[in-house]
Amino acid sequence: MSENEWQVSVSGRCIGAGLCLAIAPDHFRLDGIRAQSTGTVTGQEAHDLVVSAAGVCPARAITMTPAHAAAE
């Protein structure tokens, strides 16, 4: 497991605005009316995209945890 791996989560606060999909479509999908994370992201570019998506989320529903911490 790399230190550049992050576990991405979308909480139940998600309102399905879809801004995360617009910014980082490879890392989110819509599951009914809410967004879901596609899982772990690796690398700086993917990290930066998900951070940008989290920053525009109106519900502040996106979190990132270092994958090594999530596995503990």
Foldseek 3Di string as FASTA:
>chain_A
DDQQKKWKFFDPLFQQPCLLCVQQVVFWDDDDRGIGGPTMDGDDVNVVSLVVSCVPRPSSGMDIDRPVVVVD
